[in-house]
Structures are given as structure tokens and as C-alpha cells.
Amino acid sequence: TAGEAVLLQALDSAGLKLSDVTSVDIQQTQVAA
């Protein structure tokens, strides 16, 4: 989703990669919980 796109670009701009974080793949409506 666009959420992953935001994260990928922001991490790249910060000199980080997706592997530098622990991804928790959940539906958008479950993020707040």
C-alpha cells in the first residue's frame, strides 16, 4: 500500500533500508490497536 511506499522512500532518504526495521504487516485499520 501507499503506507509502505512512504516508509521505503523516507528510510532511503534517511540512509536506511527496510531491513533496518522490523516490519509488522497488518491492515491499516489495525495499526492504531
ModelCIF file with pLDDT and N, C-alpha, C, O atoms, coordinates in Angstrom:
data_MODEL
#
_entry.id   MODEL 
#
_entity.id                         1 
_entity.type                       polymer 
_entity.pdbx_number_of_molecules   1 
#
_entity_poly.entity_id                      1 
_entity_poly.type                           'polypeptide(L)' 
_entity_poly.nstd_linkage                   no 
_entity_poly.nstd_monomer                   no 
_entity_poly.pdbx_seq_one_letter_code       TAGEAVLLQALDSAGLKLSDVTSVDIQQTQVAA 
_entity_poly.pdbx_seq_one_letter_code_can   TAGEAVLLQALDSAGLKLSDVTSVDIQQTQVAA 
_entity_poly.pdbx_strand_id                 A 
#
loop_
_entity_poly_seq.entity_id 
_entity_poly_seq.num 
_entity_poly_seq.mon_id 
_entity_poly_seq.hetero 
1 1  THR n 
1 2  ALA n 
1 3  GLY n 
1 4  GLU n 
1 5  ALA n 
1 6  VAL n 
1 7  LEU n 
1 8  LEU n 
1 9  GLN n 
1 10 ALA n 
1 11 LEU n 
1 12 ASP n 
1 13 SER n 
1 14 ALA n 
1 15 GLY n 
1 16 LEU n 
1 17 LYS n 
1 18 LEU n 
1 19 SER n 
1 20 ASP n 
1 21 VAL n 
1 22 THR n 
1 23 SER n 
1 24 VAL n 
1 25 ASP n 
1 26 ILE n 
1 27 GLN n 
1 28 GLN n 
1 29 THR n 
1 30 GLN n 
1 31 VAL n 
1 32 ALA n 
1 33 ALA n 
#
_struct_asym.id          A 
_struct_asym.entity_id   1 
#
loop_
_ma_qa_metric.id 
_ma_qa_metric.mode 
_ma_qa_metric.name 
_ma_qa_metric.software_group_id 
_ma_qa_metric.type 
1 global pLDDT . pLDDT 
2 local  pLDDT . pLDDT 
#
_ma_qa_metric_global.metric_id      1 
_ma_qa_metric_global.metric_value   93.85 
_ma_qa_metric_global.model_id       1 
_ma_qa_metric_global.ordinal_id     1 
#
loop_
_ma_qa_metric_local.label_asym_id 
_ma_qa_metric_local.label_comp_id 
_ma_qa_metric_local.label_seq_id 
_ma_qa_metric_local.metric_id 
_ma_qa_metric_local.metric_value 
_ma_qa_metric_local.model_id 
_ma_qa_metric_local.ordinal_id 
A THR 1  2 84.00 1 1  
A ALA 2  2 89.00 1 2  
A GLY 3  2 91.00 1 3  
A GLU 4  2 93.00 1 4  
A ALA 5  2 94.00 1 5  
A VAL 6  2 95.00 1 6  
A LEU 7  2 96.00 1 7  
A LEU 8  2 96.00 1 8  
A GLN 9  2 96.00 1 9  
A ALA 10 2 96.00 1 10 
A LEU 11 2 96.00 1 11 
A ASP 12 2 95.00 1 12 
A SER 13 2 95.00 1 13 
A ALA 14 2 95.00 1 14 
A GLY 15 2 95.00 1 15 
A LEU 16 2 95.00 1 16 
A LYS 17 2 92.00 1 17 
A LEU 18 2 93.00 1 18 
A SER 19 2 93.00 1 19 
A ASP 20 2 96.00 1 20 
A VAL 21 2 97.00 1 21 
A THR 22 2 97.00 1 22 
A SER 23 2 96.00 1 23 
A VAL 24 2 97.00 1 24 
A ASP 25 2 95.00 1 25 
A ILE 26 2 93.00 1 26 
A GLN 27 2 90.00 1 27 
A GLN 28 2 87.00 1 28 
A THR 29 2 89.00 1 29 
A GLN 30 2 94.00 1 30 
A VAL 31 2 96.00 1 31 
A ALA 32 2 95.00 1 32 
A ALA 33 2 96.00 1 33 
#
loop_
_atom_site.group_PDB 
_atom_site.id 
_atom_site.type_symbol 
_atom_site.label_atom_id 
_atom_site.label_alt_id 
_atom_site.label_comp_id 
_atom_site.label_asym_id 
_atom_site.label_entity_id 
_atom_site.label_seq_id 
_atom_site.pdbx_PDB_ins_code 
_atom_site.Cartn_x 
_atom_site.Cartn_y 
_atom_site.Cartn_z 
_atom_site.occupancy 
_atom_site.B_iso_or_equiv 
_atom_site.pdbx_formal_charge 
_atom_site.auth_seq_id 
_atom_site.auth_comp_id 
_atom_site.auth_asym_id 
_atom_site.auth_atom_id 
_atom_site.pdbx_PDB_model_num 
ATOM 1   N N  . THR A 1 1  ? 0.840  -1.197 0.000  1.00 84.00 ? 1  THR A N  1 
ATOM 2   C CA . THR A 1 1  ? 0.000  0.000  0.000  1.00 84.00 ? 1  THR A CA 1 
ATOM 3   C C  . THR A 1 1  ? 0.875  1.246  0.000  1.00 84.00 ? 1  THR A C  1 
ATOM 4   O O  . THR A 1 1  ? 2.102  1.165  0.050  1.00 84.00 ? 1  THR A O  1 
ATOM 5   N N  . ALA A 1 2  ? 0.211  2.410  -0.057 1.00 89.00 ? 2  ALA A N  1 
ATOM 6   C CA . ALA A 1 2  ? 0.935  3.673  -0.030 1.00 89.00 ? 2  ALA A CA 1 
ATOM 7   C C  . ALA A 1 2  ? 1.715  3.849  1.266  1.00 89.00 ? 2  ALA A C  1 
ATOM 8   O O  . ALA A 1 2  ? 2.716  4.565  1.301  1.00 89.00 ? 2  ALA A O  1 
ATOM 9   N N  . GLY A 1 3  ? 1.254  3.194  2.336  1.00 91.00 ? 3  GLY A N  1 
ATOM 10  C CA . GLY A 1 3  ? 1.992  3.281  3.591  1.00 91.00 ? 3  GLY A CA 1 
ATOM 11  C C  . GLY A 1 3  ? 3.392  2.713  3.461  1.00 91.00 ? 3  GLY A C  1 
ATOM 12  O O  . GLY A 1 3  ? 4.349  3.288  3.979  1.00 91.00 ? 3  GLY A O  1 
ATOM 13  N N  . GLU A 1 4  ? 3.517  1.598  2.776  1.00 93.00 ? 4  GLU A N  1 
ATOM 14  C CA . GLU A 1 4  ? 4.841  1.020  2.556  1.00 93.00 ? 4  GLU A CA 1 
ATOM 15  C C  . GLU A 1 4  ? 5.674  1.916  1.653  1.00 93.00 ? 4  GLU A C  1 
ATOM 16  O O  . GLU A 1 4  ? 6.882  2.046  1.853  1.00 93.00 ? 4  GLU A O  1 
ATOM 17  N N  . ALA A 1 5  ? 5.044  2.531  0.667  1.00 94.00 ? 5  ALA A N  1 
ATOM 18  C CA . ALA A 1 5  ? 5.762  3.445  -0.223 1.00 94.00 ? 5  ALA A CA 1 
ATOM 19  C C  . ALA A 1 5  ? 6.352  4.606  0.556  1.00 94.00 ? 5  ALA A C  1 
ATOM 20  O O  . ALA A 1 5  ? 7.506  4.981  0.352  1.00 94.00 ? 5  ALA A O  1 
ATOM 21  N N  . VAL A 1 6  ? 5.553  5.173  1.451  1.00 95.00 ? 6  VAL A N  1 
ATOM 22  C CA . VAL A 1 6  ? 6.032  6.282  2.282  1.00 95.00 ? 6  VAL A CA 1 
ATOM 23  C C  . VAL A 1 6  ? 7.245  5.843  3.092  1.00 95.00 ? 6  VAL A C  1 
ATOM 24  O O  . VAL A 1 6  ? 8.247  6.555  3.162  1.00 95.00 ? 6  VAL A O  1 
ATOM 25  N N  . LEU A 1 7  ? 7.146  4.670  3.701  1.00 96.00 ? 7  LEU A N  1 
ATOM 26  C CA . LEU A 1 7  ? 8.233  4.165  4.537  1.00 96.00 ? 7  LEU A CA 1 
ATOM 27  C C  . LEU A 1 7  ? 9.494  3.914  3.716  1.00 96.00 ? 7  LEU A C  1 
ATOM 28  O O  . LEU A 1 7  ? 10.584 4.307  4.132  1.00 96.00 ? 7  LEU A O  1 
ATOM 29  N N  . LEU A 1 8  ? 9.366  3.271  2.563  1.00 96.00 ? 8  LEU A N  1 
ATOM 30  C CA . LEU A 1 8  ? 10.535 2.977  1.723  1.00 96.00 ? 8  LEU A CA 1 
ATOM 31  C C  . LEU A 1 8  ? 11.279 4.245  1.320  1.00 96.00 ? 8  LEU A C  1 
ATOM 32  O O  . LEU A 1 8  ? 12.505 4.311  1.414  1.00 96.00 ? 8  LEU A O  1 
ATOM 33  N N  . GLN A 1 9  ? 10.539 5.239  0.876  1.00 96.00 ? 9  GLN A N  1 
ATOM 34  C CA . GLN A 1 9  ? 11.180 6.476  0.429  1.00 96.00 ? 9  GLN A CA 1 
ATOM 35  C C  . GLN A 1 9  ? 11.807 7.242  1.584  1.00 96.00 ? 9  GLN A C  1 
ATOM 36  O O  . GLN A 1 9  ? 12.912 7.772  1.467  1.00 96.00 ? 9  GLN A O  1 
ATOM 37  N N  . ALA A 1 10 ? 11.086 7.293  2.707  1.00 96.00 ? 10 ALA A N  1 
ATOM 38  C CA . ALA A 1 10 ? 11.596 8.028  3.861  1.00 96.00 ? 10 ALA A CA 1 
ATOM 39  C C  . ALA A 1 10 ? 12.851 7.369  4.433  1.00 96.00 ? 10 ALA A C  1 
ATOM 40  O O  . ALA A 1 10 ? 13.809 8.060  4.779  1.00 96.00 ? 10 ALA A O  1 
ATOM 41  N N  . LEU A 1 11 ? 12.852 6.040  4.533  1.00 96.00 ? 11 LEU A N  1 
ATOM 42  C CA . LEU A 1 11 ? 14.041 5.336  5.016  1.00 96.00 ? 11 LEU A CA 1 
ATOM 43  C C  . LEU A 1 11 ? 15.211 5.559  4.073  1.00 96.00 ? 11 LEU A C  1 
ATOM 44  O O  . LEU A 1 11 ? 16.338 5.787  4.515  1.00 96.00 ? 11 LEU A O  1 
ATOM 45  N N  . ASP A 1 12 ? 14.943 5.493  2.770  1.00 95.00 ? 12 ASP A N  1 
ATOM 46  C CA . ASP A 1 12 ? 16.002 5.708  1.780  1.00 95.00 ? 12 ASP A CA 1 
ATOM 47  C C  . ASP A 1 12 ? 16.594 7.101  1.921  1.00 95.00 ? 12 ASP A C  1 
ATOM 48  O O  . ASP A 1 12 ? 17.813 7.261  1.861  1.00 95.00 ? 12 ASP A O  1 
ATOM 49  N N  . SER A 1 13 ? 15.756 8.106  2.106  1.00 95.00 ? 13 SER A N  1 
ATOM 50  C CA . SER A 1 13 ? 16.243 9.483  2.271  1.00 95.00 ? 13 SER A CA 1 
ATOM 51  C C  . SER A 1 13 ? 17.035 9.650  3.564  1.00 95.00 ? 13 SER A C  1 
ATOM 52  O O  . SER A 1 13 ? 17.911 10.510 3.658  1.00 95.00 ? 13 SER A O  1 
ATOM 53  N N  . ALA A 1 14 ? 16.719 8.816  4.566  1.00 95.00 ? 14 ALA A N  1 
ATOM 54  C CA . ALA A 1 14 ? 17.419 8.872  5.853  1.00 95.00 ? 14 ALA A CA 1 
ATOM 55  C C  . ALA A 1 14 ? 18.653 7.975  5.879  1.00 95.00 ? 14 ALA A C  1 
ATOM 56  O O  . ALA A 1 14 ? 19.310 7.854  6.913  1.00 95.00 ? 14 ALA A O  1 
ATOM 57  N N  . GLY A 1 15 ? 18.972 7.344  4.744  1.00 95.00 ? 15 GLY A N  1 
ATOM 58  C CA . GLY A 1 15 ? 20.129 6.463  4.678  1.00 95.00 ? 15 GLY A CA 1 
ATOM 59  C C  . GLY A 1 15 ? 19.889 5.090  5.268  1.00 95.00 ? 15 GLY A C  1 
ATOM 60  O O  . GLY A 1 15 ? 20.836 4.391  5.628  1.00 95.00 ? 15 GLY A O  1 
ATOM 61  N N  . LEU A 1 16 ? 18.617 4.696  5.371  1.00 95.00 ? 16 LEU A N  1 
ATOM 62  C CA . LEU A 1 16 ? 18.271 3.398  5.932  1.00 95.00 ? 16 LEU A CA 1 
ATOM 63  C C  . LEU A 1 16 ? 17.594 2.532  4.873  1.00 95.00 ? 16 LEU A C  1 
ATOM 64  O O  . LEU A 1 16 ? 17.185 3.019  3.819  1.00 95.00 ? 16 LEU A O  1 
ATOM 65  N N  . LYS A 1 17 ? 17.484 1.224  5.180  1.00 92.00 ? 17 LYS A N  1 
ATOM 66  C CA . LYS A 1 17 ? 16.797 0.288  4.306  1.00 92.00 ? 17 LYS A CA 1 
ATOM 67  C C  . LYS A 1 17 ? 15.649 -0.357 5.078  1.00 92.00 ? 17 LYS A C  1 
ATOM 68  O O  . LYS A 1 17 ? 15.573 -0.254 6.302  1.00 92.00 ? 17 LYS A O  1 
ATOM 69  N N  . LEU A 1 18 ? 14.773 -1.010 4.358  1.00 93.00 ? 18 LEU A N  1 
ATOM 70  C CA . LEU A 1 18 ? 13.654 -1.687 5.002  1.00 93.00 ? 18 LEU A CA 1 
ATOM 71  C C  . LEU A 1 18 ? 14.145 -2.751 5.971  1.00 93.00 ? 18 LEU A C  1 
ATOM 72  O O  . LEU A 1 18 ? 13.497 -3.021 6.982  1.00 93.00 ? 18 LEU A O  1 
ATOM 73  N N  . SER A 1 19 ? 15.288 -3.355 5.668  1.00 93.00 ? 19 SER A N  1 
ATOM 74  C CA . SER A 1 19 ? 15.851 -4.384 6.546  1.00 93.00 ? 19 SER A CA 1 
ATOM 75  C C  . SER A 1 19 ? 16.367 -3.810 7.863  1.00 93.00 ? 19 SER A C  1 
ATOM 76  O O  . SER A 1 19 ? 16.664 -4.561 8.792  1.00 93.00 ? 19 SER A O  1 
ATOM 77  N N  . ASP A 1 20 ? 16.477 -2.476 7.949  1.00 96.00 ? 20 ASP A N  1 
ATOM 78  C CA . ASP A 1 20 ? 16.929 -1.844 9.191  1.00 96.00 ? 20 ASP A CA 1 
ATOM 79  C C  . ASP A 1 20 ? 15.814 -1.728 10.222 1.00 96.00 ? 20 ASP A C  1 
ATOM 80  O O  . ASP A 1 20 ? 16.070 -1.384 11.376 1.00 96.00 ? 20 ASP A O  1 
ATOM 81  N N  . VAL A 1 21 ? 14.575 -2.015 9.815  1.00 97.00 ? 21 VAL A N  1 
ATOM 82  C CA . VAL A 1 21 ? 13.458 -2.008 10.750 1.00 97.00 ? 21 VAL A CA 1 
ATOM 83  C C  . VAL A 1 21 ? 12.808 -3.388 10.762 1.00 97.00 ? 21 VAL A C  1 
ATOM 84  O O  . VAL A 1 21 ? 13.002 -4.184 9.844  1.00 97.00 ? 21 VAL A O  1 
ATOM 85  N N  . THR A 1 22 ? 12.041 -3.659 11.807 1.00 97.00 ? 22 THR A N  1 
ATOM 86  C CA . THR A 1 22 ? 11.265 -4.892 11.854 1.00 97.00 ? 22 THR A CA 1 
ATOM 87  C C  . THR A 1 22 ? 9.862  -4.584 11.361 1.00 97.00 ? 22 THR A C  1 
ATOM 88  O O  . THR A 1 22 ? 9.093  -3.903 12.040 1.00 97.00 ? 22 THR A O  1 
ATOM 89  N N  . SER A 1 23 ? 9.530  -5.089 10.174 1.00 96.00 ? 23 SER A N  1 
ATOM 90  C CA . SER A 1 23 ? 8.230  -4.797 9.575  1.00 96.00 ? 23 SER A CA 1 
ATOM 91  C C  . SER A 1 23 ? 7.136  -5.641 10.214 1.00 96.00 ? 23 SER A C  1 
ATOM 92  O O  . SER A 1 23 ? 7.292  -6.849 10.396 1.00 96.00 ? 23 SER A O  1 
ATOM 93  N N  . VAL A 1 24 ? 6.038  -4.995 10.549 1.00 97.00 ? 24 VAL A N  1 
ATOM 94  C CA . VAL A 1 24 ? 4.856  -5.687 11.067 1.00 97.00 ? 24 VAL A CA 1 
ATOM 95  C C  . VAL A 1 24 ? 3.727  -5.408 10.081 1.00 97.00 ? 24 VAL A C  1 
ATOM 96  O O  . VAL A 1 24 ? 3.154  -4.319 10.065 1.00 97.00 ? 24 VAL A O  1 
ATOM 97  N N  . ASP A 1 25 ? 3.419  -6.402 9.265  1.00 95.00 ? 25 ASP A N  1 
ATOM 98  C CA . ASP A 1 25 ? 2.445  -6.247 8.186  1.00 95.00 ? 25 ASP A CA 1 
ATOM 99  C C  . ASP A 1 25 ? 1.035  -6.508 8.702  1.00 95.00 ? 25 ASP A C  1 
ATOM 100 O O  . ASP A 1 25 ? 0.661  -7.653 8.954  1.00 95.00 ? 25 ASP A O  1 
ATOM 101 N N  . ILE A 1 26 ? 0.247  -5.431 8.857  1.00 93.00 ? 26 ILE A N  1 
ATOM 102 C CA . ILE A 1 26 ? -1.131 -5.548 9.315  1.00 93.00 ? 26 ILE A CA 1 
ATOM 103 C C  . ILE A 1 26 ? -2.000 -4.593 8.506  1.00 93.00 ? 26 ILE A C  1 
ATOM 104 O O  . ILE A 1 26 ? -1.494 -3.672 7.866  1.00 93.00 ? 26 ILE A O  1 
ATOM 105 N N  . GLN A 1 27 ? -3.294 -4.817 8.539  1.00 90.00 ? 27 GLN A N  1 
ATOM 106 C CA . GLN A 1 27 ? -4.209 -3.933 7.831  1.00 90.00 ? 27 GLN A CA 1 
ATOM 107 C C  . GLN A 1 27 ? -4.162 -2.537 8.435  1.00 90.00 ? 27 GLN A C  1 
ATOM 108 O O  . GLN A 1 27 ? -3.912 -2.358 9.627  1.00 90.00 ? 27 GLN A O  1 
ATOM 109 N N  . GLN A 1 28 ? -4.410 -1.554 7.573  1.00 87.00 ? 28 GLN A N  1 
ATOM 110 C CA . GLN A 1 28 ? -4.328 -0.171 8.026  1.00 87.00 ? 28 GLN A CA 1 
ATOM 111 C C  . GLN A 1 28 ? -5.233 0.103  9.228  1.00 87.00 ? 28 GLN A C  1 
ATOM 112 O O  . GLN A 1 28 ? -4.863 0.863  10.122 1.00 87.00 ? 28 GLN A O  1 
ATOM 113 N N  . THR A 1 29 ? -6.399 -0.506 9.251  1.00 89.00 ? 29 THR A N  1 
ATOM 114 C CA . THR A 1 29 ? -7.344 -0.269 10.342 1.00 89.00 ? 29 THR A CA 1 
ATOM 115 C C  . THR A 1 29 ? -6.882 -0.869 11.666 1.00 89.00 ? 29 THR A C  1 
ATOM 116 O O  . THR A 1 29 ? -7.480 -0.593 12.706 1.00 89.00 ? 29 THR A O  1 
ATOM 117 N N  . GLN A 1 30 ? -5.820 -1.690 11.644 1.00 94.00 ? 30 GLN A N  1 
ATOM 118 C CA . GLN A 1 30 ? -5.325 -2.323 12.862 1.00 94.00 ? 30 GLN A CA 1 
ATOM 119 C C  . GLN A 1 30 ? -4.065 -1.656 13.422 1.00 94.00 ? 30 GLN A C  1 
ATOM 120 O O  . GLN A 1 30 ? -3.572 -2.040 14.483 1.00 94.00 ? 30 GLN A O  1 
ATOM 121 N N  . VAL A 1 31 ? -3.550 -0.659 12.702 1.00 96.00 ? 31 VAL A N  1 
ATOM 122 C CA . VAL A 1 31 ? -2.302 -0.009 13.126 1.00 96.00 ? 31 VAL A CA 1 
ATOM 123 C C  . VAL A 1 31 ? -2.472 0.671  14.482 1.00 96.00 ? 31 VAL A C  1 
ATOM 124 O O  . VAL A 1 31 ? -1.609 0.542  15.351 1.00 96.00 ? 31 VAL A O  1 
ATOM 125 N N  . ALA A 1 32 ? -3.568 1.388  14.669 1.00 95.00 ? 32 ALA A N  1 
ATOM 126 C CA . ALA A 1 32 ? -3.783 2.092  15.935 1.00 95.00 ? 32 ALA A CA 1 
ATOM 127 C C  . ALA A 1 32 ? -3.822 1.127  17.116 1.00 95.00 ? 32 ALA A C  1 
ATOM 128 O O  . ALA A 1 32 ? -3.271 1.422  18.177 1.00 95.00 ? 32 ALA A O  1 
ATOM 129 N N  . ALA A 1 33 ? -4.473 -0.027 16.940 1.00 96.00 ? 33 ALA A N  1 
ATOM 130 C CA . ALA A 1 33 ? -4.547 -1.016 18.022 1.00 96.00 ? 33 ALA A CA 1 
ATOM 131 C C  . ALA A 1 33 ? -3.169 -1.568 18.346 1.00 96.00 ? 33 ALA A C  1 
ATOM 132 O O  . ALA A 1 33 ? -3.035 -2.413 19.231 1.00 96.00 ? 33 ALA A O  1 
#
